[in-house]
Amino acid sequence: MERQMLMQNEMRERQTAMQIAWSREFLKYFSSFYGLTALGLIVGAVRQRRAVLLAPVVPLSFILAYQMDMAYGSLIHRMRGPWSVDGGVPFLWSLRLDAMTSDRRKRNFSLGLAGMCCNQGCTKNDIGRLC
């Protein structure tokens, strides 16, 4: 069980690393798009003397700030923070895991038909009679 938890934590760390790498790659493309778009809109707004052309720069700036925080900031760690306990295991998962293990212990004491057949061996007639 402990080995499974360690492997699960390692997989979660790998997924987080992949997500950060993807965010950094996406940020490269989005920042170049943002730079060209903002430059074009600013030049167009100055030449045509229309401030309305600057409106798309505002939401694009928020998206760029979010992507920068995701790629180079601490957004992922802030998102995981409140739901983690000491070992980095999410709090709700640890509660559910404890509940599942207690249910399994109860279930193992009452083995039923399958447990009886595994321990003693059953024929088709025995299974038909018990069911």
N, C-alpha and C. Protein backbone atom coordinates (compact mmCIF):
# COMPACT_ATOMS: atom_id res chain seq x y z
N MET A 1 0.83 -1.20 0.00
CA MET A 1 0.00 0.00 0.00
C MET A 1 0.87 1.26 0.00
N GLU A 2 1.94 1.20 0.80
CA GLU A 2 2.82 2.37 0.87
C GLU A 2 3.52 2.60 -0.46
N ARG A 3 3.93 1.51 -1.11
CA ARG A 3 4.59 1.63 -2.41
C ARG A 3 3.64 2.23 -3.45
N GLN A 4 2.37 1.82 -3.37
CA GLN A 4 1.38 2.36 -4.29
C GLN A 4 1.20 3.86 -4.07
N MET A 5 1.18 4.29 -2.82
CA MET A 5 1.05 5.72 -2.53
C MET A 5 2.27 6.49 -3.04
N LEU A 6 3.46 5.91 -2.88
CA LEU A 6 4.67 6.56 -3.39
C LEU A 6 4.63 6.68 -4.91
N MET A 7 4.20 5.62 -5.57
CA MET A 7 4.09 5.67 -7.03
C MET A 7 3.03 6.67 -7.47
N GLN A 8 1.94 6.75 -6.71
CA GLN A 8 0.89 7.69 -7.04
C GLN A 8 1.39 9.13 -6.89
N ASN A 9 2.15 9.39 -5.82
CA ASN A 9 2.73 10.73 -5.65
C ASN A 9 3.71 11.06 -6.76
N GLU A 10 4.52 10.06 -7.16
CA GLU A 10 5.48 10.29 -8.24
C GLU A 10 4.76 10.59 -9.55
N MET A 11 3.68 9.86 -9.83
CA MET A 11 2.92 10.12 -11.05
C MET A 11 2.28 11.51 -11.02
N ARG A 12 1.79 11.91 -9.84
CA ARG A 12 1.21 13.25 -9.73
C ARG A 12 2.27 14.31 -9.96
N GLU A 13 3.47 14.10 -9.43
CA GLU A 13 4.56 15.06 -9.65
C GLU A 13 4.95 15.11 -11.11
N ARG A 14 4.96 13.97 -11.78
CA ARG A 14 5.28 13.96 -13.22
C ARG A 14 4.21 14.69 -14.02
N GLN A 15 2.95 14.48 -13.67
CA GLN A 15 1.87 15.17 -14.36
C GLN A 15 1.97 16.68 -14.15
N THR A 16 2.33 17.09 -12.95
CA THR A 16 2.49 18.51 -12.66
C THR A 16 3.64 19.08 -13.48
N ALA A 17 4.75 18.33 -13.57
CA ALA A 17 5.89 18.78 -14.36
C ALA A 17 5.52 18.90 -15.84
N MET A 18 4.75 17.93 -16.34
CA MET A 18 4.31 18.01 -17.74
C MET A 18 3.38 19.19 -17.96
N GLN A 19 2.53 19.47 -17.00
CA GLN A 19 1.62 20.60 -17.13
C GLN A 19 2.39 21.92 -17.14
N ILE A 20 3.41 22.03 -16.30
CA ILE A 20 4.22 23.25 -16.28
C ILE A 20 4.98 23.39 -17.59
N ALA A 21 5.54 22.28 -18.10
CA ALA A 21 6.27 22.32 -19.37
C ALA A 21 5.35 22.73 -20.52
N TRP A 22 4.13 22.18 -20.52
CA TRP A 22 3.17 22.54 -21.56
C TRP A 22 2.80 24.02 -21.45
N SER A 23 2.61 24.50 -20.22
CA SER A 23 2.25 25.91 -20.02
C SER A 23 3.36 26.83 -20.52
N ARG A 24 4.61 26.45 -20.27
CA ARG A 24 5.73 27.28 -20.74
C ARG A 24 5.82 27.29 -22.26
N GLU A 25 5.56 26.13 -22.88
CA GLU A 25 5.58 26.08 -24.34
C GLU A 25 4.43 26.91 -24.91
N PHE A 26 3.24 26.79 -24.32
CA PHE A 26 2.09 27.57 -24.78
C PHE A 26 2.34 29.06 -24.59
N LEU A 27 3.00 29.41 -23.50
CA LEU A 27 3.28 30.82 -23.22
C LEU A 27 4.17 31.43 -24.30
N LYS A 28 5.10 30.68 -24.82
CA LYS A 28 5.96 31.18 -25.90
C LYS A 28 5.13 31.61 -27.10
N TYR A 29 4.21 30.73 -27.51
CA TYR A 29 3.39 31.03 -28.68
C TYR A 29 2.38 32.14 -28.38
N PHE A 30 1.75 32.07 -27.23
CA PHE A 30 0.75 33.08 -26.90
C PHE A 30 1.37 34.46 -26.71
N SER A 31 2.56 34.53 -26.12
CA SER A 31 3.19 35.84 -25.92
C SER A 31 3.59 36.47 -27.25
N SER A 32 4.03 35.64 -28.22
CA SER A 32 4.34 36.22 -29.53
C SER A 32 3.05 36.68 -30.23
N PHE A 33 1.97 35.90 -30.10
CA PHE A 33 0.68 36.33 -30.65
C PHE A 33 0.22 37.62 -29.98
N TYR A 34 0.34 37.69 -28.66
CA TYR A 34 -0.07 38.87 -27.91
C TYR A 34 0.74 40.09 -28.34
N GLY A 35 2.05 39.93 -28.45
CA GLY A 35 2.90 41.05 -28.83
C GLY A 35 2.55 41.60 -30.21
N LEU A 36 2.39 40.70 -31.18
CA LEU A 36 2.04 41.16 -32.53
C LEU A 36 0.64 41.78 -32.57
N THR A 37 -0.30 41.16 -31.87
CA THR A 37 -1.67 41.68 -31.85
C THR A 37 -1.74 43.03 -31.16
N ALA A 38 -1.09 43.16 -30.01
CA ALA A 38 -1.10 44.43 -29.29
C ALA A 38 -0.43 45.53 -30.10
N LEU A 39 0.69 45.19 -30.71
CA LEU A 39 1.38 46.18 -31.54
C LEU A 39 0.49 46.63 -32.71
N GLY A 40 -0.12 45.67 -33.38
CA GLY A 40 -1.01 46.02 -34.50
C GLY A 40 -2.21 46.84 -34.05
N LEU A 41 -2.82 46.49 -32.92
CA LEU A 41 -3.97 47.25 -32.44
C LEU A 41 -3.57 48.65 -31.98
N ILE A 42 -2.44 48.78 -31.36
CA ILE A 42 -1.99 50.12 -30.92
C ILE A 42 -1.68 51.00 -32.12
N VAL A 43 -0.98 50.44 -33.10
CA VAL A 43 -0.68 51.23 -34.31
C VAL A 43 -1.97 51.60 -35.03
N GLY A 44 -2.91 50.66 -35.14
CA GLY A 44 -4.19 50.96 -35.79
C GLY A 44 -4.99 52.00 -35.03
N ALA A 45 -4.97 51.94 -33.70
CA ALA A 45 -5.71 52.92 -32.90
C ALA A 45 -5.11 54.31 -33.03
N VAL A 46 -3.78 54.39 -33.13
CA VAL A 46 -3.14 55.70 -33.26
C VAL A 46 -3.39 56.28 -34.66
N ARG A 47 -3.29 55.45 -35.68
CA ARG A 47 -3.48 55.95 -37.05
C ARG A 47 -4.92 56.35 -37.32
N GLN A 48 -5.86 55.55 -36.83
CA GLN A 48 -7.27 55.85 -37.10
C GLN A 48 -7.90 56.71 -36.02
N ARG A 49 -7.17 56.97 -34.97
CA ARG A 49 -7.65 57.78 -33.85
C ARG A 49 -8.95 57.23 -33.26
N ARG A 50 -8.94 55.91 -33.06
CA ARG A 50 -10.10 55.24 -32.48
C ARG A 50 -9.61 54.39 -31.31
N ALA A 51 -10.02 54.78 -30.11
CA ALA A 51 -9.59 54.06 -28.90
C ALA A 51 -10.29 52.70 -28.76
N VAL A 52 -11.38 52.50 -29.50
CA VAL A 52 -12.12 51.25 -29.43
C VAL A 52 -11.24 50.08 -29.87
N LEU A 53 -10.29 50.34 -30.74
CA LEU A 53 -9.41 49.28 -31.22
C LEU A 53 -8.50 48.72 -30.12
N LEU A 54 -8.36 49.43 -29.03
CA LEU A 54 -7.53 48.96 -27.92
C LEU A 54 -8.27 48.01 -26.98
N ALA A 55 -9.58 47.86 -27.16
CA ALA A 55 -10.39 47.04 -26.25
C ALA A 55 -9.92 45.58 -26.18
N PRO A 56 -9.56 44.93 -27.27
CA PRO A 56 -9.12 43.53 -27.16
C PRO A 56 -7.81 43.34 -26.39
N VAL A 57 -7.04 44.40 -26.22
CA VAL A 57 -5.76 44.27 -25.51
C VAL A 57 -6.00 43.96 -24.03
N VAL A 58 -7.09 44.46 -23.45
CA VAL A 58 -7.35 44.26 -22.02
C VAL A 58 -7.58 42.78 -21.68
N PRO A 59 -8.53 42.08 -22.32
CA PRO A 59 -8.68 40.65 -21.97
C PRO A 59 -7.47 39.81 -22.35
N LEU A 60 -6.81 40.17 -23.45
CA LEU A 60 -5.60 39.44 -23.82
C LEU A 60 -4.51 39.63 -22.77
N SER A 61 -4.46 40.79 -22.14
CA SER A 61 -3.48 41.03 -21.08
C SER A 61 -3.76 40.15 -19.86
N PHE A 62 -5.04 39.99 -19.51
CA PHE A 62 -5.38 39.11 -18.39
C PHE A 62 -5.02 37.66 -18.70
N ILE A 63 -5.28 37.23 -19.92
CA ILE A 63 -4.92 35.87 -20.31
C ILE A 63 -3.41 35.68 -20.27
N LEU A 64 -2.67 36.66 -20.75
CA LEU A 64 -1.21 36.57 -20.71
C LEU A 64 -0.70 36.52 -19.27
N ALA A 65 -1.27 37.34 -18.39
CA ALA A 65 -0.85 37.32 -16.99
C ALA A 65 -1.15 35.97 -16.34
N TYR A 66 -2.30 35.40 -16.64
CA TYR A 66 -2.65 34.09 -16.10
C TYR A 66 -1.68 33.02 -16.60
N GLN A 67 -1.38 33.04 -17.90
CA GLN A 67 -0.46 32.05 -18.45
C GLN A 67 0.95 32.20 -17.89
N MET A 68 1.37 33.44 -17.65
CA MET A 68 2.69 33.65 -17.05
C MET A 68 2.73 33.12 -15.62
N ASP A 69 1.65 33.33 -14.89
CA ASP A 69 1.58 32.82 -13.52
C ASP A 69 1.55 31.30 -13.52
N MET A 70 0.88 30.71 -14.48
CA MET A 70 0.82 29.25 -14.57
C MET A 70 2.18 28.67 -14.94
N ALA A 71 2.90 29.33 -15.84
CA ALA A 71 4.16 28.78 -16.34
C ALA A 71 5.33 29.08 -15.41
N TYR A 72 5.44 30.28 -14.91
CA TYR A 72 6.61 30.67 -14.13
C TYR A 72 6.29 31.11 -12.71
N GLY A 73 5.03 31.23 -12.39
CA GLY A 73 4.62 31.63 -11.04
C GLY A 73 4.35 30.43 -10.18
N SER A 74 3.50 30.62 -9.21
CA SER A 74 3.21 29.54 -8.27
C SER A 74 1.72 29.17 -8.29
N LEU A 75 1.08 29.32 -9.41
CA LEU A 75 -0.35 29.05 -9.49
C LEU A 75 -0.69 27.60 -9.16
N ILE A 76 0.07 26.67 -9.69
CA ILE A 76 -0.22 25.26 -9.46
C ILE A 76 -0.07 24.93 -7.99
N HIS A 77 0.96 25.46 -7.34
CA HIS A 77 1.17 25.18 -5.92
C HIS A 77 0.10 25.86 -5.07
N ARG A 78 -0.37 27.03 -5.49
CA ARG A 78 -1.44 27.69 -4.75
C ARG A 78 -2.75 26.93 -4.92
N MET A 79 -2.98 26.34 -6.08
CA MET A 79 -4.20 25.57 -6.30
C MET A 79 -4.20 24.29 -5.47
N ARG A 80 -3.05 23.64 -5.32
CA ARG A 80 -2.96 22.41 -4.55
C ARG A 80 -2.91 22.67 -3.06
N GLY A 81 -2.47 23.84 -2.63
CA GLY A 81 -2.20 24.14 -1.23
C GLY A 81 -3.30 23.81 -0.24
N PRO A 82 -4.50 24.36 -0.36
CA PRO A 82 -5.51 24.14 0.67
C PRO A 82 -5.98 22.69 0.79
N TRP A 83 -5.80 21.90 -0.25
CA TRP A 83 -6.32 20.54 -0.24
C TRP A 83 -5.26 19.51 0.13
N SER A 84 -4.08 19.94 0.50
CA SER A 84 -3.01 19.00 0.80
C SER A 84 -2.79 18.91 2.30
N VAL A 85 -2.35 17.74 2.72
CA VAL A 85 -1.90 17.54 4.09
C VAL A 85 -0.39 17.36 4.04
N ASP A 86 0.23 16.93 5.12
CA ASP A 86 1.68 16.94 5.24
C ASP A 86 2.42 16.27 4.09
N GLY A 87 2.04 15.12 3.65
CA GLY A 87 2.80 14.41 2.64
C GLY A 87 2.49 14.80 1.21
N GLY A 88 1.70 15.83 1.02
CA GLY A 88 1.29 16.20 -0.33
C GLY A 88 0.10 15.38 -0.80
N VAL A 89 -0.41 14.50 0.04
CA VAL A 89 -1.57 13.70 -0.31
C VAL A 89 -2.81 14.57 -0.09
N PRO A 90 -3.66 14.67 -1.08
CA PRO A 90 -4.86 15.49 -0.91
C PRO A 90 -5.69 15.03 0.28
N PHE A 91 -6.21 15.97 1.01
CA PHE A 91 -6.92 15.70 2.26
C PHE A 91 -8.15 14.83 2.04
N LEU A 92 -8.94 15.13 1.02
CA LEU A 92 -10.17 14.38 0.80
C LEU A 92 -9.87 12.95 0.38
N TRP A 93 -8.80 12.73 -0.37
CA TRP A 93 -8.44 11.37 -0.77
C TRP A 93 -8.03 10.55 0.43
N SER A 94 -7.30 11.16 1.36
CA SER A 94 -6.86 10.39 2.52
C SER A 94 -8.05 9.98 3.37
N LEU A 95 -9.07 10.82 3.47
CA LEU A 95 -10.27 10.44 4.22
C LEU A 95 -11.00 9.29 3.53
N ARG A 96 -11.12 9.38 2.24
CA ARG A 96 -11.81 8.33 1.48
C ARG A 96 -11.04 7.02 1.55
N LEU A 97 -9.73 7.08 1.52
CA LEU A 97 -8.92 5.88 1.58
C LEU A 97 -9.10 5.17 2.91
N ASP A 98 -9.17 5.92 4.01
CA ASP A 98 -9.40 5.31 5.32
C ASP A 98 -10.77 4.64 5.37
N ALA A 99 -11.76 5.27 4.79
CA ALA A 99 -13.09 4.69 4.79
C ALA A 99 -13.13 3.41 3.97
N MET A 100 -12.41 3.40 2.84
CA MET A 100 -12.40 2.21 2.01
C MET A 100 -11.70 1.05 2.70
N THR A 101 -10.61 1.31 3.40
CA THR A 101 -9.90 0.21 4.05
C THR A 101 -10.73 -0.39 5.18
N SER A 102 -11.50 0.42 5.91
CA SER A 102 -12.34 -0.15 6.96
C SER A 102 -13.47 -0.98 6.35
N ASP A 103 -14.02 -0.57 5.22
CA ASP A 103 -15.05 -1.37 4.55
C ASP A 103 -14.48 -2.70 4.08
N ARG A 104 -13.26 -2.68 3.58
CA ARG A 104 -12.65 -3.92 3.10
C ARG A 104 -12.38 -4.87 4.25
N ARG A 105 -11.99 -4.35 5.41
CA ARG A 105 -11.76 -5.23 6.55
C ARG A 105 -13.05 -5.94 6.95
N LYS A 106 -14.15 -5.20 6.97
CA LYS A 106 -15.44 -5.81 7.30
C LYS A 106 -15.80 -6.88 6.27
N ARG A 107 -15.56 -6.56 5.02
CA ARG A 107 -15.93 -7.47 3.95
C ARG A 107 -15.09 -8.74 3.99
N ASN A 108 -13.83 -8.63 4.39
CA ASN A 108 -12.97 -9.80 4.43
C ASN A 108 -13.37 -10.78 5.51
N PHE A 109 -14.02 -10.32 6.60
CA PHE A 109 -14.44 -11.24 7.64
C PHE A 109 -15.61 -12.09 7.18
N SER A 110 -16.49 -11.54 6.39
CA SER A 110 -17.60 -12.33 5.87
C SER A 110 -17.28 -12.69 4.43
N LEU A 111 -16.56 -13.79 4.25
CA LEU A 111 -16.08 -14.15 2.93
C LEU A 111 -17.19 -14.60 2.00
N GLY A 112 -18.22 -15.20 2.53
CA GLY A 112 -19.34 -15.61 1.70
C GLY A 112 -19.01 -16.79 0.83
N LEU A 113 -19.74 -16.91 -0.27
CA LEU A 113 -19.62 -18.05 -1.16
C LEU A 113 -18.25 -18.15 -1.80
N ALA A 114 -17.74 -17.04 -2.29
CA ALA A 114 -16.45 -17.07 -2.97
C ALA A 114 -15.34 -17.48 -2.02
N GLY A 115 -15.36 -16.95 -0.80
CA GLY A 115 -14.33 -17.31 0.18
C GLY A 115 -14.42 -18.76 0.59
N MET A 116 -15.63 -19.26 0.75
CA MET A 116 -15.81 -20.65 1.13
C MET A 116 -15.33 -21.57 0.02
N CYS A 117 -15.62 -21.22 -1.21
CA CYS A 117 -15.19 -22.05 -2.33
C CYS A 117 -13.68 -22.01 -2.51
N CYS A 118 -13.07 -20.88 -2.22
CA CYS A 118 -11.62 -20.79 -2.33
C CYS A 118 -10.94 -21.61 -1.24
N ASN A 119 -11.51 -21.61 -0.04
CA ASN A 119 -10.90 -22.33 1.08
C ASN A 119 -11.16 -23.83 1.02
N GLN A 120 -12.39 -24.24 0.66
CA GLN A 120 -12.75 -25.65 0.74
C GLN A 120 -12.86 -26.31 -0.63
N GLY A 121 -13.19 -25.53 -1.63
CA GLY A 121 -13.44 -26.09 -2.95
C GLY A 121 -14.91 -26.39 -3.10
N CYS A 122 -15.52 -26.01 -4.19
CA CYS A 122 -16.96 -26.19 -4.41
C CYS A 122 -17.19 -26.83 -5.76
N THR A 123 -18.24 -27.60 -5.84
CA THR A 123 -18.68 -28.15 -7.11
C THR A 123 -19.81 -27.28 -7.64
N LYS A 124 -20.27 -27.59 -8.85
CA LYS A 124 -21.40 -26.84 -9.41
C LYS A 124 -22.65 -27.05 -8.58
N ASN A 125 -22.84 -28.24 -8.08
CA ASN A 125 -24.01 -28.53 -7.25
C ASN A 125 -24.00 -27.71 -5.97
N ASP A 126 -22.79 -27.57 -5.34
CA ASP A 126 -22.69 -26.78 -4.11
C ASP A 126 -23.02 -25.32 -4.37
N ILE A 127 -22.51 -24.80 -5.48
CA ILE A 127 -22.77 -23.40 -5.82
C ILE A 127 -24.25 -23.20 -6.11
N GLY A 128 -24.87 -24.14 -6.85
CA GLY A 128 -26.29 -24.05 -7.14
C GLY A 128 -27.14 -24.14 -5.88
N ARG A 129 -26.75 -24.98 -4.94
CA ARG A 129 -27.50 -25.12 -3.70
C ARG A 129 -27.37 -23.87 -2.82
N LEU A 130 -26.16 -23.27 -2.76
CA LEU A 130 -25.94 -22.11 -1.93
C LEU A 130 -26.53 -20.84 -2.52
N CYS A 131 -26.63 -20.79 -3.82
CA CYS A 131 -27.19 -19.58 -4.44
C CYS A 131 -28.69 -19.72 -4.48
